[in-house]
N, C-alpha and C. Protein backbone atom coordinates (compact mmCIF):
# COMPACT_ATOMS: atom_id res chain seq x y z
N MET A 1 116.32 121.53 128.65
CA MET A 1 117.13 120.97 127.55
C MET A 1 118.31 121.93 127.26
N ASN A 2 119.52 121.41 127.26
CA ASN A 2 120.63 122.27 126.87
C ASN A 2 120.86 122.15 125.38
N THR A 3 121.78 122.92 124.85
CA THR A 3 122.00 123.01 123.40
C THR A 3 122.49 121.68 122.83
N TRP A 4 123.30 120.94 123.60
CA TRP A 4 123.85 119.68 123.06
C TRP A 4 122.82 118.63 122.81
N THR A 5 121.83 118.49 123.77
CA THR A 5 120.80 117.50 123.60
C THR A 5 119.88 117.92 122.42
N ARG A 6 119.68 119.21 122.32
CA ARG A 6 118.88 119.74 121.23
C ARG A 6 119.50 119.42 119.88
N ARG A 7 120.81 119.65 119.82
CA ARG A 7 121.55 119.37 118.56
C ARG A 7 121.53 117.88 118.25
N LEU A 8 121.68 117.09 119.26
CA LEU A 8 121.68 115.63 119.09
C LEU A 8 120.35 115.16 118.53
N TRP A 9 119.26 115.65 119.13
CA TRP A 9 117.90 115.28 118.72
C TRP A 9 117.69 115.73 117.25
N SER A 10 118.05 116.97 116.91
CA SER A 10 117.86 117.48 115.57
C SER A 10 118.66 116.67 114.57
N ALA A 11 119.85 116.25 114.94
CA ALA A 11 120.69 115.43 114.08
C ALA A 11 120.05 114.08 113.82
N ILE A 12 119.56 113.46 114.90
CA ILE A 12 118.87 112.17 114.80
C ILE A 12 117.62 112.29 113.92
N LEU A 13 116.83 113.32 114.14
CA LEU A 13 115.61 113.56 113.35
C LEU A 13 115.96 113.75 111.87
N LEU A 14 116.99 114.56 111.61
CA LEU A 14 117.37 114.83 110.22
C LEU A 14 117.88 113.53 109.57
N GLY A 15 118.72 112.77 110.30
CA GLY A 15 119.22 111.51 109.78
C GLY A 15 118.08 110.57 109.44
N GLY A 16 117.04 110.50 110.34
CA GLY A 16 115.94 109.60 110.12
C GLY A 16 115.15 110.05 108.90
N GLN A 17 114.97 111.34 108.74
CA GLN A 17 114.21 111.88 107.57
C GLN A 17 114.95 111.55 106.31
N VAL A 18 116.27 111.71 106.35
CA VAL A 18 117.11 111.41 105.15
C VAL A 18 116.98 109.92 104.76
N LEU A 19 117.08 109.08 105.79
CA LEU A 19 116.96 107.61 105.55
C LEU A 19 115.60 107.28 104.94
N VAL A 20 114.55 107.82 105.56
CA VAL A 20 113.16 107.56 105.04
C VAL A 20 113.05 108.07 103.62
N HIS A 21 113.60 109.25 103.32
CA HIS A 21 113.52 109.81 102.00
C HIS A 21 114.24 108.94 100.99
N LEU A 22 115.45 108.41 101.38
CA LEU A 22 116.20 107.55 100.48
C LEU A 22 115.45 106.28 100.22
N LEU A 23 114.88 105.68 101.26
CA LEU A 23 114.12 104.46 101.11
C LEU A 23 112.92 104.66 100.24
N MET A 24 112.15 105.74 100.48
CA MET A 24 111.02 106.06 99.66
C MET A 24 111.40 106.30 98.22
N GLY A 25 112.50 106.98 98.05
CA GLY A 25 113.07 107.28 96.73
C GLY A 25 113.37 106.03 95.94
N LYS A 26 114.01 105.05 96.61
CA LYS A 26 114.33 103.77 95.95
C LYS A 26 113.06 103.07 95.51
N ILE A 27 112.06 103.02 96.41
CA ILE A 27 110.78 102.39 96.08
C ILE A 27 110.12 103.14 94.93
N HIS A 28 110.14 104.48 94.99
CA HIS A 28 109.53 105.30 93.94
C HIS A 28 110.20 105.07 92.59
N VAL A 29 111.53 105.03 92.57
CA VAL A 29 112.26 104.81 91.32
C VAL A 29 111.90 103.44 90.76
N ARG A 30 111.80 102.45 91.65
CA ARG A 30 111.44 101.09 91.18
C ARG A 30 110.03 101.13 90.50
N ASN A 31 109.11 101.77 91.17
CA ASN A 31 107.73 101.86 90.66
C ASN A 31 107.69 102.60 89.32
N THR A 32 108.34 103.73 89.24
CA THR A 32 108.36 104.47 88.00
C THR A 32 109.00 103.70 86.85
N ARG A 33 110.06 102.95 87.15
CA ARG A 33 110.70 102.10 86.10
C ARG A 33 109.71 101.06 85.61
N GLU A 34 108.99 100.44 86.53
CA GLU A 34 108.00 99.43 86.11
C GLU A 34 106.88 100.06 85.28
N GLN A 35 106.41 101.23 85.64
CA GLN A 35 105.39 101.94 84.89
C GLN A 35 105.92 102.32 83.49
N MET A 36 107.16 102.75 83.44
CA MET A 36 107.73 103.17 82.17
C MET A 36 107.84 101.99 81.22
N SER A 37 108.27 100.83 81.78
CA SER A 37 108.40 99.65 80.91
C SER A 37 107.05 99.17 80.41
N MET A 38 105.99 99.35 81.22
CA MET A 38 104.65 98.98 80.80
C MET A 38 104.11 99.86 79.67
N VAL A 39 104.53 101.11 79.74
CA VAL A 39 104.05 102.09 78.73
C VAL A 39 104.92 102.03 77.49
């Protein structure tokens, strides 16, 4: 593996993690809002 493929893979992995984090965050925010309104 040369440096370019390594960088590409790390960029893809980081991007995927960020996307997952954002999606999970949106779901989490929705859940917390529902819980707050119930309380």
